[in-house]
Amino acid sequence: MPAQPSSSRARIARHRATQRSRGLRPVVLWLPNLNDPDYRTRLAEECRQLAALTAAEEALAEDFAQLTARADGWR
């Protein structure tokens, strides 16, 4: 008599048991839905805010660029 194929629940249980025996544990990660128009709008706005440098930040970036231009290995 041929062996019955194991159920997906049994395969998953075996896989998890194997992973646990290897010292691993399951973790659930919740990530933003990038297809959500509201989220994409908020993300775009935050990116614009991060990309916009204040005058002080612009001066600091320019100073850093001048310093690295004089340092060996930064080109």
Protein backbone atom coordinates (compact mmCIF):
# COMPACT_ATOMS: atom_id res chain seq x y z
CA MET A 1 0.00 0.00 0.00
CA PRO A 2 1.56 3.38 -1.00
CA ALA A 3 2.27 5.86 1.76
CA GLN A 4 -0.24 8.63 2.03
CA PRO A 5 1.11 12.09 1.31
CA SER A 6 1.53 13.98 4.56
CA SER A 7 -0.73 16.90 5.19
CA SER A 8 0.62 20.41 4.87
CA ARG A 9 0.07 20.86 8.61
CA ALA A 10 2.30 17.84 9.35
CA ARG A 11 5.00 19.04 6.92
CA ILE A 12 5.00 22.49 8.51
CA ALA A 13 5.19 20.97 11.99
CA ARG A 14 8.18 18.84 10.95
CA HIS A 15 9.88 21.82 9.35
CA ARG A 16 9.38 23.96 12.46
CA ALA A 17 10.64 21.16 14.71
CA THR A 18 13.75 20.85 12.54
CA GLN A 19 14.35 24.58 12.65
CA ARG A 20 13.90 24.66 16.45
CA SER A 21 16.35 21.76 16.82
CA ARG A 22 18.84 23.93 14.91
CA GLY A 23 18.38 26.66 17.53
CA LEU A 24 16.08 28.87 15.46
CA ARG A 25 12.72 30.30 16.37
CA PRO A 26 9.88 31.76 14.32
CA VAL A 27 9.47 35.54 14.14
CA VAL A 28 6.57 37.52 12.70
CA LEU A 29 7.41 40.80 10.97
CA TRP A 30 4.74 43.33 10.13
CA LEU A 31 5.75 45.54 7.24
CA PRO A 32 3.99 48.52 5.70
CA ASN A 33 1.80 47.82 2.71
CA LEU A 34 3.61 49.64 -0.10
CA ASN A 35 0.50 49.38 -2.27
CA ASP A 36 -1.51 51.55 0.14
CA PRO A 37 -1.83 55.03 -1.46
CA ASP A 38 -1.97 56.75 1.96
CA TYR A 39 1.24 55.08 3.06
CA ARG A 40 2.96 55.94 -0.22
CA THR A 41 1.94 59.59 0.17
CA ARG A 42 3.34 59.72 3.72
CA LEU A 43 6.51 57.95 2.63
CA ALA A 44 7.06 60.35 -0.28
CA GLU A 45 6.60 63.35 2.03
CA GLU A 46 9.05 61.95 4.59
CA CYS A 47 11.58 61.31 1.81
CA ARG A 48 11.20 64.91 0.59
CA GLN A 49 11.73 66.18 4.15
CA LEU A 50 14.82 64.03 4.61
CA ALA A 51 16.24 65.12 1.26
CA ALA A 52 15.81 68.83 2.00
CA LEU A 53 18.88 70.20 3.75
CA THR A 54 18.69 73.27 5.95
CA ALA A 55 21.23 76.04 5.33
CA ALA A 56 23.31 74.79 8.29
CA GLU A 57 23.21 71.21 7.01
CA GLU A 58 24.16 72.39 3.52
CA ALA A 59 27.17 74.28 4.94
CA LEU A 60 28.20 71.23 6.97
CA ALA A 61 27.96 69.01 3.89
CA GLU A 62 30.07 71.48 1.90
CA ASP A 63 32.69 71.62 4.68
CA PHE A 64 32.81 67.83 4.78
CA ALA A 65 33.21 67.64 1.01
CA GLN A 66 36.12 70.10 1.16
CA LEU A 67 37.80 68.13 3.96
CA THR A 68 37.46 64.82 2.16
CA ALA A 69 38.82 66.34 -1.05
CA ARG A 70 42.08 67.06 0.80
CA ALA A 71 42.28 63.65 2.52
CA ASP A 72 44.05 60.75 0.86
CA GLY A 73 41.84 57.82 -0.09
CA TRP A 74 38.53 59.75 -0.16
CA ARG A 75 38.40 60.29 -3.91
